[in-house]
Structure formats: C-alpha cells, structure tokens
Amino acid sequence: MRRHNFKKLKIWQDGMDLVDDTYALIIDFPREEKFNLSSQLARCAVSIPSNIAEGTSKSTDKHFNKYLEDSLGSSFEWETQLIVAFRQGFISKQRYDALETKIQQLQKMISGFQGRLTL
C-alpha cells in the first residue's frame, strides 16, 4: 500500500469543511446545549477527518480501512445529531436539508474510497 497524503484527499478536505460548518452551526444553539448536543456534534465532526488522517499513517489498506470505518461511523453519528438538532428546533429546515445533503455525500465518498482499497 502506498501512503496517502491526507491533506490531498477529497474526503479529508470535505470532512474539514464539515468541521467548519459544525462550528458555525452550534454557535447559535441554546446555551444549555453547550456541553450536550453542541459538544457531541463538534467531537463527531472533528473525528471524521481525524480518523482519515490517522488512517493514512497505517502500513496496510486493511488497517487504513478500519480508520475509514470509524470515520464513517462518526459521520452517521453526526447525521443523527443533526436530526436531533432539527427536531428540537435548533436549526431551520433549509439549513438541515443543506447539511444532510452534505453529510450523505461525504458518507458516499468515504464508502467509495473504501471500495477502492485493496484489502
């Protein structure tokens, strides 16, 4: 396996964009959510590109794939938390729809990248 430069991977770049979107999103959440949903959304968002980056340091595609699995898991966790935020009225339908589309596209990209690894 050749090692990837994580900064050049589109999945990492889009993950970093999601981190930016997340911090912009949670700034408007109610104050009492600071250590609850806001914190969980931020941790999940940061976990997505972090796991991709960490995975690129591994010596085999099989090991890299494990980190991609973790990244994908965090993306589904993030999507669930987005749904909670919408259902609680913390975000508008328009913002929810845009972010849901973004996370689902990222999930497809991570899955597609996994499919190209030689395990």
PDB file of N, CA and C in Angstrom:
ATOM      1  N   MET A   1       0.844  -1.185   0.000  1.00  0.00           N
ATOM      2  CA  MET A   1       0.000   0.000   0.000  1.00  0.00           C
ATOM      3  C   MET A   1       0.882   1.238   0.000  1.00  0.00           C
ATOM      4  N   ARG A   2       0.557   2.150  -0.852  1.00  0.00           N
ATOM      5  CA  ARG A   2       1.259   3.428  -0.803  1.00  0.00           C
ATOM      6  C   ARG A   2       0.540   4.331   0.196  1.00  0.00           C
ATOM      7  N   ARG A   3       1.278   5.109   0.891  1.00  0.00           N
ATOM      8  CA  ARG A   3       0.669   6.012   1.872  1.00  0.00           C
ATOM      9  C   ARG A   3       0.078   7.216   1.152  1.00  0.00           C
ATOM     10  N   HIS A   4      -1.049   7.634   1.629  1.00  0.00           N
ATOM     11  CA  HIS A   4      -1.743   8.786   1.056  1.00  0.00           C
ATOM     12  C   HIS A   4      -1.353  10.041   1.819  1.00  0.00           C
ATOM     13  N   ASN A   5      -1.316  11.162   1.127  1.00  0.00           N
ATOM     14  CA  ASN A   5      -1.174  12.455   1.778  1.00  0.00           C
ATOM     15  C   ASN A   5      -2.593  12.891   2.142  1.00  0.00           C
ATOM     16  N   PHE A   6      -2.942  12.790   3.411  1.00  0.00           N
ATOM     17  CA  PHE A   6      -4.323  13.024   3.828  1.00  0.00           C
ATOM     18  C   PHE A   6      -4.830  14.396   3.419  1.00  0.00           C
ATOM     19  N   LYS A   7      -3.957  15.395   3.375  1.00  0.00           N
ATOM     20  CA  LYS A   7      -4.390  16.758   3.035  1.00  0.00           C
ATOM     21  C   LYS A   7      -4.856  16.869   1.586  1.00  0.00           C
ATOM     22  N   LYS A   8      -4.441  15.924   0.768  1.00  0.00           N
ATOM     23  CA  LYS A   8      -4.845  15.942  -0.643  1.00  0.00           C
ATOM     24  C   LYS A   8      -6.087  15.100  -0.912  1.00  0.00           C
ATOM     25  N   LEU A   9      -6.539  14.351   0.076  1.00  0.00           N
ATOM     26  CA  LEU A   9      -7.717  13.504  -0.106  1.00  0.00           C
ATOM     27  C   LEU A   9      -8.991  14.342  -0.034  1.00  0.00           C
ATOM     28  N   LYS A  10      -9.841  14.194  -1.024  1.00  0.00           N
ATOM     29  CA  LYS A  10     -11.111  14.939  -1.071  1.00  0.00           C
ATOM     30  C   LYS A  10     -11.979  14.608   0.144  1.00  0.00           C
ATOM     31  N   ILE A  11     -11.947  13.366   0.598  1.00  0.00           N
ATOM     32  CA  ILE A  11     -12.768  13.008   1.760  1.00  0.00           C
ATOM     33  C   ILE A  11     -12.283  13.741   3.020  1.00  0.00           C
ATOM     34  N   TRP A  12     -10.964  13.933   3.131  1.00  0.00           N
ATOM     35  CA  TRP A  12     -10.437  14.682   4.276  1.00  0.00           C
ATOM     36  C   TRP A  12     -10.808  16.160   4.151  1.00  0.00           C
ATOM     37  N   GLN A  13     -10.647  16.723   2.964  1.00  0.00           N
ATOM     38  CA  GLN A  13     -10.964  18.137   2.737  1.00  0.00           C
ATOM     39  C   GLN A  13     -12.438  18.420   3.026  1.00  0.00           C
ATOM     40  N   ASP A  14     -13.320  17.536   2.523  1.00  0.00           N
ATOM     41  CA  ASP A  14     -14.749  17.725   2.784  1.00  0.00           C
ATOM     42  C   ASP A  14     -15.077  17.513   4.257  1.00  0.00           C
ATOM     43  N   GLY A  15     -14.353  16.614   4.913  1.00  0.00           N
ATOM     44  CA  GLY A  15     -14.519  16.438   6.352  1.00  0.00           C
ATOM     45  C   GLY A  15     -14.142  17.689   7.115  1.00  0.00           C
ATOM     46  N   MET A  16     -13.076  18.342   6.687  1.00  0.00           N
ATOM     47  CA  MET A  16     -12.660  19.592   7.332  1.00  0.00           C
ATOM     48  C   MET A  16     -13.691  20.698   7.100  1.00  0.00           C
ATOM     49  N   ASP A  17     -14.281  20.711   5.903  1.00  0.00           N
ATOM     50  CA  ASP A  17     -15.350  21.684   5.637  1.00  0.00           C
ATOM     51  C   ASP A  17     -16.537  21.434   6.566  1.00  0.00           C
ATOM     52  N   LEU A  18     -16.831  20.173   6.836  1.00  0.00           N
ATOM     53  CA  LEU A  18     -17.918  19.837   7.749  1.00  0.00           C
ATOM     54  C   LEU A  18     -17.608  20.324   9.171  1.00  0.00           C
ATOM     55  N   VAL A  19     -16.348  20.252   9.558  1.00  0.00           N
ATOM     56  CA  VAL A  19     -15.947  20.788  10.868  1.00  0.00           C
ATOM     57  C   VAL A  19     -16.277  22.280  10.924  1.00  0.00           C
ATOM     58  N   ASP A  20     -15.903  23.008   9.868  1.00  0.00           N
ATOM     59  CA  ASP A  20     -16.201  24.447   9.818  1.00  0.00           C
ATOM     60  C   ASP A  20     -17.708  24.697   9.888  1.00  0.00           C
ATOM     61  N   ASP A  21     -18.462  23.921   9.116  1.00  0.00           N
ATOM     62  CA  ASP A  21     -19.923  24.059   9.122  1.00  0.00           C
ATOM     63  C   ASP A  21     -20.497  23.778  10.509  1.00  0.00           C
ATOM     64  N   THR A  22     -19.930  22.799  11.183  1.00  0.00           N
ATOM     65  CA  THR A  22     -20.425  22.419  12.504  1.00  0.00           C
ATOM     66  C   THR A  22     -20.207  23.521  13.516  1.00  0.00           C
ATOM     67  N   TYR A  23     -19.012  24.098  13.525  1.00  0.00           N
ATOM     68  CA  TYR A  23     -18.755  25.180  14.477  1.00  0.00           C
ATOM     69  C   TYR A  23     -19.626  26.402  14.185  1.00  0.00           C
ATOM     70  N   ALA A  24     -19.888  26.657  12.901  1.00  0.00           N
ATOM     71  CA  ALA A  24     -20.791  27.756  12.539  1.00  0.00           C
ATOM     72  C   ALA A  24     -22.225  27.447  12.973  1.00  0.00           C
ATOM     73  N   LEU A  25     -22.590  26.185  12.934  1.00  0.00           N
ATOM     74  CA  LEU A  25     -23.937  25.761  13.306  1.00  0.00           C
ATOM     75  C   LEU A  25     -24.170  25.863  14.808  1.00  0.00           C
ATOM     76  N   ILE A  26     -23.256  25.333  15.590  1.00  0.00           N
ATOM     77  CA  ILE A  26     -23.509  25.215  17.035  1.00  0.00           C
ATOM     78  C   ILE A  26     -23.383  26.543  17.775  1.00  0.00           C
ATOM     79  N   ILE A  27     -22.807  27.536  17.135  1.00  0.00           N
ATOM     80  CA  ILE A  27     -22.683  28.830  17.807  1.00  0.00           C
ATOM     81  C   ILE A  27     -24.054  29.431  18.122  1.00  0.00           C
ATOM     82  N   ASP A  28     -25.064  29.029  17.338  1.00  0.00           N
ATOM     83  CA  ASP A  28     -26.410  29.551  17.544  1.00  0.00           C
ATOM     84  C   ASP A  28     -27.289  28.660  18.420  1.00  0.00           C
ATOM     85  N   PHE A  29     -26.755  27.546  18.892  1.00  0.00           N
ATOM     86  CA  PHE A  29     -27.542  26.648  19.736  1.00  0.00           C
ATOM     87  C   PHE A  29     -27.783  27.290  21.105  1.00  0.00           C
ATOM     88  N   PRO A  30     -28.830  26.851  21.785  1.00  0.00           N
ATOM     89  CA  PRO A  30     -29.086  27.365  23.133  1.00  0.00           C
ATOM     90  C   PRO A  30     -27.883  27.106  24.054  1.00  0.00           C
ATOM     91  N   ARG A  31     -27.682  28.002  24.967  1.00  0.00           N
ATOM     92  CA  ARG A  31     -26.536  27.917  25.877  1.00  0.00           C
ATOM     93  C   ARG A  31     -26.502  26.605  26.659  1.00  0.00           C
ATOM     94  N   GLU A  32     -27.676  26.111  27.039  1.00  0.00           N
ATOM     95  CA  GLU A  32     -27.723  24.875  27.831  1.00  0.00           C
ATOM     96  C   GLU A  32     -27.291  23.649  27.031  1.00  0.00           C
ATOM     97  N   GLU A  33     -27.137  23.787  25.731  1.00  0.00           N
ATOM     98  CA  GLU A  33     -26.684  22.678  24.896  1.00  0.00           C
ATOM     99  C   GLU A  33     -25.161  22.663  24.719  1.00  0.00           C
ATOM    100  N   LYS A  34     -24.465  23.604  25.319  1.00  0.00           N
ATOM    101  CA  LYS A  34     -23.015  23.715  25.137  1.00  0.00           C
ATOM    102  C   LYS A  34     -22.276  22.411  25.450  1.00  0.00           C
ATOM    103  N   PHE A  35     -22.659  21.741  26.516  1.00  0.00           N
ATOM    104  CA  PHE A  35     -21.959  20.518  26.912  1.00  0.00           C
ATOM    105  C   PHE A  35     -22.726  19.261  26.514  1.00  0.00           C
ATOM    106  N   ASN A  36     -23.776  19.435  25.760  1.00  0.00           N
ATOM    107  CA  ASN A  36     -24.575  18.295  25.333  1.00  0.00           C
ATOM    108  C   ASN A  36     -24.450  18.128  23.820  1.00  0.00           C
ATOM    109  N   LEU A  37     -25.486  18.505  23.113  1.00  0.00           N
ATOM    110  CA  LEU A  37     -25.526  18.294  21.665  1.00  0.00           C
ATOM    111  C   LEU A  37     -24.430  19.061  20.934  1.00  0.00           C
ATOM    112  N   SER A  38     -24.158  20.275  21.338  1.00  0.00           N
ATOM    113  CA  SER A  38     -23.099  21.060  20.684  1.00  0.00           C
ATOM    114  C   SER A  38     -21.761  20.341  20.768  1.00  0.00           C
ATOM    115  N   SER A  39     -21.447  19.878  21.950  1.00  0.00           N
ATOM    116  CA  SER A  39     -20.183  19.181  22.172  1.00  0.00           C
ATOM    117  C   SER A  39     -20.114  17.886  21.360  1.00  0.00           C
ATOM    118  N   GLN A  40     -21.205  17.142  21.337  1.00  0.00           N
ATOM    119  CA  GLN A  40     -21.216  15.883  20.584  1.00  0.00           C
ATOM    120  C   GLN A  40     -21.058  16.132  19.091  1.00  0.00           C
ATOM    121  N   LEU A  41     -21.759  17.123  18.557  1.00  0.00           N
ATOM    122  CA  LEU A  41     -21.633  17.439  17.135  1.00  0.00           C
ATOM    123  C   LEU A  41     -20.197  17.822  16.790  1.00  0.00           C
ATOM    124  N   ALA A  42     -19.594  18.653  17.621  1.00  0.00           N
ATOM    125  CA  ALA A  42     -18.217  19.082  17.355  1.00  0.00           C
ATOM    126  C   ALA A  42     -17.252  17.900  17.418  1.00  0.00           C
ATOM    127  N   ARG A  43     -17.391  17.044  18.414  1.00  0.00           N
ATOM    128  CA  ARG A  43     -16.493  15.888  18.533  1.00  0.00           C
ATOM    129  C   ARG A  43     -16.634  14.949  17.334  1.00  0.00           C
ATOM    130  N   CYS A  44     -17.863  14.703  16.920  1.00  0.00           N
ATOM    131  CA  CYS A  44     -18.077  13.825  15.754  1.00  0.00           C
ATOM    132  C   CYS A  44     -17.501  14.446  14.495  1.00  0.00           C
ATOM    133  N   ALA A  45     -17.742  15.719  14.306  1.00  0.00           N
ATOM    134  CA  ALA A  45     -17.237  16.395  13.108  1.00  0.00           C
ATOM    135  C   ALA A  45     -15.715  16.314  13.040  1.00  0.00           C
ATOM    136  N   VAL A  46     -15.056  16.597  14.146  1.00  0.00           N
ATOM    137  CA  VAL A  46     -13.593  16.557  14.189  1.00  0.00           C
ATOM    138  C   VAL A  46     -13.082  15.126  13.995  1.00  0.00           C
ATOM    139  N   SER A  47     -13.833  14.165  14.478  1.00  0.00           N
ATOM    140  CA  SER A  47     -13.438  12.767  14.368  1.00  0.00           C
ATOM    141  C   SER A  47     -13.387  12.279  12.917  1.00  0.00           C
ATOM    142  N   ILE A  48     -14.247  12.806  12.072  1.00  0.00           N
ATOM    143  CA  ILE A  48     -14.314  12.333  10.690  1.00  0.00           C
ATOM    144  C   ILE A  48     -12.982  12.550   9.965  1.00  0.00           C
ATOM    145  N   PRO A  49     -12.490  13.782   9.814  1.00  0.00           N
ATOM    146  CA  PRO A  49     -11.207  13.953   9.124  1.00  0.00           C
ATOM    147  C   PRO A  49     -10.013  13.458   9.947  1.00  0.00           C
ATOM    148  N   SER A  50     -10.146  13.467  11.275  1.00  0.00           N
ATOM    149  CA  SER A  50      -9.041  12.995  12.117  1.00  0.00           C
ATOM    150  C   SER A  50      -8.765  11.512  11.885  1.00  0.00           C
ATOM    151  N   ASN A  51      -9.827  10.714  11.802  1.00  0.00           N
ATOM    152  CA  ASN A  51      -9.643   9.285  11.540  1.00  0.00           C
ATOM    153  C   ASN A  51      -9.100   9.029  10.141  1.00  0.00           C
ATOM    154  N   ILE A  52      -9.531   9.816   9.187  1.00  0.00           N
ATOM    155  CA  ILE A  52      -8.985   9.686   7.829  1.00  0.00           C
ATOM    156  C   ILE A  52      -7.485   9.973   7.858  1.00  0.00           C
ATOM    157  N   ALA A  53      -7.113  11.050   8.513  1.00  0.00           N
ATOM    158  CA  ALA A  53      -5.691  11.406   8.593  1.00  0.00           C
ATOM    159  C   ALA A  53      -4.890  10.321   9.313  1.00  0.00           C
ATOM    160  N   GLU A  54      -5.389   9.853  10.435  1.00  0.00           N
ATOM    161  CA  GLU A  54      -4.671   8.819  11.181  1.00  0.00           C
ATOM    162  C   GLU A  54      -4.546   7.542  10.361  1.00  0.00           C
ATOM    163  N   GLY A  55      -5.587   7.210   9.624  1.00  0.00           N
ATOM    164  CA  GLY A  55      -5.560   6.006   8.800  1.00  0.00           C
ATOM    165  C   GLY A  55      -4.488   6.030   7.725  1.00  0.00           C
ATOM    166  N   THR A  56      -4.171   7.226   7.232  1.00  0.00           N
ATOM    167  CA  THR A  56      -3.147   7.306   6.183  1.00  0.00           C
ATOM    168  C   THR A  56      -1.761   6.941   6.694  1.00  0.00           C
ATOM    169  N   SER A  57      -1.591   6.920   7.991  1.00  0.00           N
ATOM    170  CA  SER A  57      -0.276   6.567   8.552  1.00  0.00           C
ATOM    171  C   SER A  57      -0.079   5.058   8.670  1.00  0.00           C
ATOM    172  N   LYS A  58      -1.133   4.304   8.452  1.00  0.00           N
ATOM    173  CA  LYS A  58      -1.056   2.853   8.631  1.00  0.00           C
ATOM    174  C   LYS A  58      -0.371   2.193   7.437  1.00  0.00           C
ATOM    175  N   SER A  59       0.220   1.040   7.696  1.00  0.00           N
ATOM    176  CA  SER A  59       1.067   0.403   6.687  1.00  0.00           C
ATOM    177  C   SER A  59       0.315  -0.481   5.700  1.00  0.00           C
ATOM    178  N   THR A  60      -0.958  -0.788   5.985  1.00  0.00           N
ATOM    179  CA  THR A  60      -1.724  -1.614   5.049  1.00  0.00           C
ATOM    180  C   THR A  60      -3.094  -0.999   4.797  1.00  0.00           C
ATOM    181  N   ASP A  61      -3.660  -1.334   3.651  1.00  0.00           N
ATOM    182  CA  ASP A  61      -5.016  -0.873   3.340  1.00  0.00           C
ATOM    183  C   ASP A  61      -6.021  -1.424   4.339  1.00  0.00           C
ATOM    184  N   LYS A  62      -5.779  -2.627   4.826  1.00  0.00           N
ATOM    185  CA  LYS A  62      -6.692  -3.232   5.803  1.00  0.00           C
ATOM    186  C   LYS A  62      -6.754  -2.377   7.068  1.00  0.00           C
ATOM    187  N   HIS A  63      -5.595  -1.919   7.542  1.00  0.00           N
ATOM    188  CA  HIS A  63      -5.575  -1.065   8.730  1.00  0.00           C
ATOM    189  C   HIS A  63      -6.173   0.311   8.431  1.00  0.00           C
ATOM    190  N   PHE A  64      -5.862   0.856   7.250  1.00  0.00           N
ATOM    191  CA  PHE A  64      -6.423   2.139   6.843  1.00  0.00           C
ATOM    192  C   PHE A  64      -7.947   2.043   6.813  1.00  0.00           C
ATOM    193  N   ASN A  65      -8.469   0.932   6.302  1.00  0.00           N
ATOM    194  CA  ASN A  65      -9.905   0.741   6.195  1.00  0.00           C
ATOM    195  C   ASN A  65     -10.587   0.813   7.561  1.00  0.00           C
ATOM    196  N   LYS A  66      -9.930   0.326   8.602  1.00  0.00           N
ATOM    197  CA  LYS A  66     -10.514   0.376   9.943  1.00  0.00           C
ATOM    198  C   LYS A  66     -10.760   1.826  10.362  1.00  0.00           C
ATOM    199  N   TYR A  67      -9.835   2.709  10.034  1.00  0.00           N
ATOM    200  CA  TYR A  67      -9.986   4.124  10.375  1.00  0.00           C
ATOM    201  C   TYR A  67     -11.050   4.788   9.510  1.00  0.00           C
ATOM    202  N   LEU A  68     -11.170   4.330   8.268  1.00  0.00           N
ATOM    203  CA  LEU A  68     -12.242   4.834   7.416  1.00  0.00           C
ATOM    204  C   LEU A  68     -13.597   4.392   7.962  1.00  0.00           C
ATOM    205  N   GLU A  69     -13.658   3.161   8.487  1.00  0.00           N
ATOM    206  CA  GLU A  69     -14.888   2.671   9.129  1.00  0.00           C
ATOM    207  C   GLU A  69     -15.256   3.562  10.314  1.00  0.00           C
ATOM    208  N   ASP A  70     -14.265   3.906  11.113  1.00  0.00           N
ATOM    209  CA  ASP A  70     -14.513   4.783  12.265  1.00  0.00           C
ATOM    210  C   ASP A  70     -14.994   6.159  11.805  1.00  0.00           C
ATOM    211  N   SER A  71     -14.378   6.668  10.747  1.00  0.00           N
ATOM    212  CA  SER A  71     -14.776   7.955  10.195  1.00  0.00           C
ATOM    213  C   SER A  71     -16.215   7.907   9.699  1.00  0.00           C
ATOM    214  N   LEU A  72     -16.545   6.835   9.008  1.00  0.00           N
ATOM    215  CA  LEU A  72     -17.904   6.660   8.500  1.00  0.00           C
ATOM    216  C   LEU A  72     -18.898   6.556   9.664  1.00  0.00           C
ATOM    217  N   GLY A  73     -18.532   5.818  10.692  1.00  0.00           N
ATOM    218  CA  GLY A  73     -19.385   5.719  11.876  1.00  0.00           C
ATOM    219  C   GLY A  73     -19.640   7.074  12.502  1.00  0.00           C
ATOM    220  N   SER A  74     -18.603   7.885  12.601  1.00  0.00           N
ATOM    221  CA  SER A  74     -18.766   9.235  13.149  1.00  0.00           C
ATOM    222  C   SER A  74     -19.681  10.082  12.274  1.00  0.00           C
ATOM    223  N   SER A  75     -19.630   9.852  10.971  1.00  0.00           N
ATOM    224  CA  SER A  75     -20.485  10.631  10.071  1.00  0.00           C
ATOM    225  C   SER A  75     -21.961  10.275  10.277  1.00  0.00           C
ATOM    226  N   PHE A  76     -22.249   9.001  10.525  1.00  0.00           N
ATOM    227  CA  PHE A  76     -23.630   8.612  10.794  1.00  0.00           C
ATOM    228  C   PHE A  76     -24.081   9.109  12.171  1.00  0.00           C
ATOM    229  N   GLU A  77     -23.180   9.117  13.118  1.00  0.00           N
ATOM    230  CA  GLU A  77     -23.491   9.675  14.432  1.00  0.00           C
ATOM    231  C   GLU A  77     -23.785  11.170  14.299  1.00  0.00           C
ATOM    232  N   TRP A  78     -22.958  11.875  13.521  1.00  0.00           N
ATOM    233  CA  TRP A  78     -23.153  13.308  13.286  1.00  0.00           C
ATOM    234  C   TRP A  78     -24.503  13.557  12.622  1.00  0.00           C
ATOM    235  N   GLU A  79     -24.853  12.719  11.639  1.00  0.00           N
ATOM    236  CA  GLU A  79     -26.135  12.890  10.956  1.00  0.00           C
ATOM    237  C   GLU A  79     -27.296  12.723  11.935  1.00  0.00           C
ATOM    238  N   THR A  80     -27.202  11.761  12.823  1.00  0.00           N
ATOM    239  CA  THR A  80     -28.246  11.552  13.832  1.00  0.00           C
ATOM    240  C   THR A  80     -28.375  12.778  14.734  1.00  0.00           C
ATOM    241  N   GLN A  81     -27.257  13.333  15.130  1.00  0.00           N
ATOM    242  CA  GLN A  81     -27.285  14.519  15.983  1.00  0.00           C
ATOM    243  C   GLN A  81     -27.856  15.724  15.242  1.00  0.00           C
ATOM    244  N   LEU A  82     -27.609  15.795  13.943  1.00  0.00           N
ATOM    245  CA  LEU A  82     -28.209  16.847  13.120  1.00  0.00           C
ATOM    246  C   LEU A  82     -29.734  16.714  13.136  1.00  0.00           C
ATOM    247  N   ILE A  83     -30.219  15.491  13.020  1.00  0.00           N
ATOM    248  CA  ILE A  83     -31.663  15.238  13.066  1.00  0.00           C
ATOM    249  C   ILE A  83     -32.233  15.674  14.413  1.00  0.00           C
ATOM    250  N   VAL A  84     -31.526  15.361  15.491  1.00  0.00           N
ATOM    251  CA  VAL A  84     -31.960  15.786  16.819  1.00  0.00           C
ATOM    252  C   VAL A  84     -32.042  17.311  16.883  1.00  0.00           C
ATOM    253  N   ALA A  85     -31.019  17.983  16.382  1.00  0.00           N
ATOM    254  CA  ALA A  85     -30.997  19.450  16.403  1.00  0.00           C
ATOM    255  C   ALA A  85     -32.186  20.025  15.634  1.00  0.00           C
ATOM    256  N   PHE A  86     -32.497  19.421  14.504  1.00  0.00           N
ATOM    257  CA  PHE A  86     -33.648  19.888  13.725  1.00  0.00           C
ATOM    258  C   PHE A  86     -34.958  19.617  14.471  1.00  0.00           C
ATOM    259  N   ARG A  87     -35.095  18.427  14.997  1.00  0.00           N
ATOM    260  CA  ARG A  87     -36.335  18.068  15.694  1.00  0.00           C
ATOM    261  C   ARG A  87     -36.555  18.915  16.952  1.00  0.00           C
ATOM    262  N   GLN A  88     -35.468  19.392  17.543  1.00  0.00           N
ATOM    263  CA  GLN A  88     -35.582  20.243  18.727  1.00  0.00           C
ATOM    264  C   GLN A  88     -35.767  21.717  18.360  1.00  0.00           C
ATOM    265  N   GLY A  89     -35.754  22.002  17.070  1.00  0.00           N
ATOM    266  CA  GLY A  89     -35.982  23.375  16.621  1.00  0.00           C
ATOM    267  C   GLY A  89     -34.759  24.275  16.704  1.00  0.00           C
ATOM    268  N   PHE A  90     -33.564  23.677  16.801  1.00  0.00           N
ATOM    269  CA  PHE A  90     -32.343  24.477  16.895  1.00  0.00           C
ATOM    270  C   PHE A  90     -31.871  24.980  15.536  1.00  0.00           C
ATOM    271  N   ILE A  91     -32.328  24.329  14.456  1.00  0.00           N
ATOM    272  CA  ILE A  91     -31.923  24.747  13.110  1.00  0.00           C
ATOM    273  C   ILE A  91     -33.138  24.745  12.189  1.00  0.00           C
ATOM    274  N   SER A  92     -33.042  25.542  11.142  1.00  0.00           N
ATOM    275  CA  SER A  92     -34.124  25.650  10.166  1.00  0.00           C
ATOM    276  C   SER A  92     -34.136  24.434   9.243  1.00  0.00           C
ATOM    277  N   LYS A  93     -35.254  24.245   8.571  1.00  0.00           N
ATOM    278  CA  LYS A  93     -35.389  23.156   7.596  1.00  0.00           C
ATOM    279  C   LYS A  93     -34.384  23.349   6.456  1.00  0.00           C
ATOM    280  N   GLN A  94     -34.197  24.563   6.034  1.00  0.00           N
ATOM    281  CA  GLN A  94     -33.268  24.844   4.933  1.00  0.00           C
ATOM    282  C   GLN A  94     -31.827  24.476   5.323  1.00  0.00           C
ATOM    283  N   ARG A  95     -31.424  24.851   6.512  1.00  0.00           N
ATOM    284  CA  ARG A  95     -30.071  24.529   6.975  1.00  0.00           C
ATOM    285  C   ARG A  95     -29.920  23.023   7.178  1.00  0.00           C
ATOM    286  N   TYR A  96     -30.950  22.421   7.739  1.00  0.00           N
ATOM    287  CA  TYR A  96     -30.945  20.971   7.930  1.00  0.00           C
ATOM    288  C   TYR A  96     -30.784  20.252   6.594  1.00  0.00           C
ATOM    289  N   ASP A  97     -31.586  20.627   5.621  1.00  0.00           N
ATOM    290  CA  ASP A  97     -31.533  19.974   4.311  1.00  0.00           C
ATOM    291  C   ASP A  97     -30.149  20.101   3.676  1.00  0.00           C
ATOM    292  N   ALA A  98     -29.566  21.283   3.751  1.00  0.00           N
ATOM    293  CA  ALA A  98     -28.236  21.507   3.151  1.00  0.00           C
ATOM    294  C   ALA A  98     -27.177  20.651   3.837  1.00  0.00           C
ATOM    295  N   LEU A  99     -27.209  20.594   5.164  1.00  0.00           N
ATOM    296  CA  LEU A  99     -26.213  19.811   5.893  1.00  0.00           C
ATOM    297  C   LEU A  99     -26.448  18.315   5.757  1.00  0.00           C
ATOM    298  N   GLU A 100     -27.705  17.904   5.675  1.00  0.00           N
ATOM    299  CA  GLU A 100     -27.998  16.487   5.480  1.00  0.00           C
ATOM    300  C   GLU A 100     -27.462  16.030   4.122  1.00  0.00           C
ATOM    301  N   THR A 101     -27.659  16.837   3.108  1.00  0.00           N
ATOM    302  CA  THR A 101     -27.127  16.513   1.778  1.00  0.00           C
ATOM    303  C   THR A 101     -25.608  16.414   1.827  1.00  0.00           C
ATOM    304  N   LYS A 102     -24.993  17.339   2.520  1.00  0.00           N
ATOM    305  CA  LYS A 102     -23.531  17.363   2.614  1.00  0.00           C
ATOM    306  C   LYS A 102     -22.987  16.119   3.308  1.00  0.00           C
ATOM    307  N   ILE A 103     -23.596  15.727   4.423  1.00  0.00           N
ATOM    308  CA  ILE A 103     -23.087  14.560   5.158  1.00  0.00           C
ATOM    309  C   ILE A 103     -23.341  13.280   4.381  1.00  0.00           C
ATOM    310  N   GLN A 104     -24.466  13.200   3.702  1.00  0.00           N
ATOM    311  CA  GLN A 104     -24.749  12.000   2.924  1.00  0.00           C
ATOM    312  C   GLN A 104     -23.797  11.865   1.734  1.00  0.00           C
ATOM    313  N   GLN A 105     -23.423  12.971   1.138  1.00  0.00           N
ATOM    314  CA  GLN A 105     -22.437  12.930   0.054  1.00  0.00           C
ATOM    315  C   GLN A 105     -21.082  12.475   0.589  1.00  0.00           C
ATOM    316  N   LEU A 106     -20.707  12.975   1.759  1.00  0.00           N
ATOM    317  CA  LEU A 106     -19.441  12.574   2.361  1.00  0.00           C
ATOM    318  C   LEU A 106     -19.454  11.086   2.708  1.00  0.00           C
ATOM    319  N   GLN A 107     -20.564  10.603   3.221  1.00  0.00           N
ATOM    320  CA  GLN A 107     -20.679   9.168   3.530  1.00  0.00           C
ATOM    321  C   GLN A 107     -20.481   8.325   2.276  1.00  0.00           C
ATOM    322  N   LYS A 108     -21.076   8.732   1.176  1.00  0.00           N
ATOM    323  CA  LYS A 108     -20.918   8.006  -0.086  1.00  0.00           C
ATOM    324  C   LYS A 108     -19.471   8.045  -0.560  1.00  0.00           C
ATOM    325  N   MET A 109     -18.831   9.186  -0.399  1.00  0.00           N
ATOM    326  CA  MET A 109     -17.434   9.314  -0.828  1.00  0.00           C
ATOM    327  C   MET A 109     -16.507   8.427   0.003  1.00  0.00           C
ATOM    328  N   ILE A 110     -16.721   8.393   1.305  1.00  0.00           N
ATOM    329  CA  ILE A 110     -15.893   7.540   2.171  1.00  0.00           C
ATOM    330  C   ILE A 110     -16.105   6.080   1.801  1.00  0.00           C
ATOM    331  N   SER A 111     -17.360   5.688   1.622  1.00  0.00           N
ATOM    332  CA  SER A 111     -17.656   4.301   1.226  1.00  0.00           C
ATOM    333  C   SER A 111     -17.022   3.962  -0.116  1.00  0.00           C
ATOM    334  N   GLY A 112     -17.100   4.880  -1.061  1.00  0.00           N
ATOM    335  CA  GLY A 112     -16.495   4.661  -2.368  1.00  0.00           C
ATOM    336  C   GLY A 112     -14.981   4.535  -2.277  1.00  0.00           C
ATOM    337  N   PHE A 113     -14.374   5.352  -1.435  1.00  0.00           N
ATOM    338  CA  PHE A 113     -12.923   5.274  -1.232  1.00  0.00           C
ATOM    339  C   PHE A 113     -12.551   3.929  -0.645  1.00  0.00           C
ATOM    340  N   GLN A 114     -13.349   3.462   0.312  1.00  0.00           N
ATOM    341  CA  GLN A 114     -13.103   2.154   0.906  1.00  0.00           C
ATOM    342  C   GLN A 114     -13.151   1.057  -0.162  1.00  0.00           C
ATOM    343  N   GLY A 115     -14.079   1.166  -1.076  1.00  0.00           N
ATOM    344  CA  GLY A 115     -14.245   0.168  -2.116  1.00  0.00           C
ATOM    345  C   GLY A 115     -13.048   0.084  -3.067  1.00  0.00           C
ATOM    346  N   ARG A 116     -12.258   1.145  -3.117  1.00  0.00           N
ATOM    347  CA  ARG A 116     -11.078   1.158  -3.989  1.00  0.00           C
ATOM    348  C   ARG A 116      -9.821   0.664  -3.298  1.00  0.00           C
ATOM    349  N   LEU A 117      -9.909   0.414  -1.990  1.00  0.00           N
ATOM    350  CA  LEU A 117      -8.732  -0.118  -1.284  1.00  0.00           C
ATOM    351  C   LEU A 117      -8.578  -1.594  -1.590  1.00  0.00           C
ATOM    352  N   THR A 118      -7.340  -2.054  -1.579  1.00  0.00           N
ATOM    353  CA  THR A 118      -7.083  -3.488  -1.778  1.00  0.00           C
ATOM    354  C   THR A 118      -6.903  -4.133  -0.413  1.00  0.00           C
ATOM    355  N   LEU A 119      -7.928  -4.835   0.026  1.00  0.00           N
ATOM    356  CA  LEU A 119      -7.891  -5.450   1.354  1.00  0.00           C
ATOM    357  C   LEU A 119      -7.465  -6.866   1.172  1.00  0.00           C
TER     358      LEU A 119
END
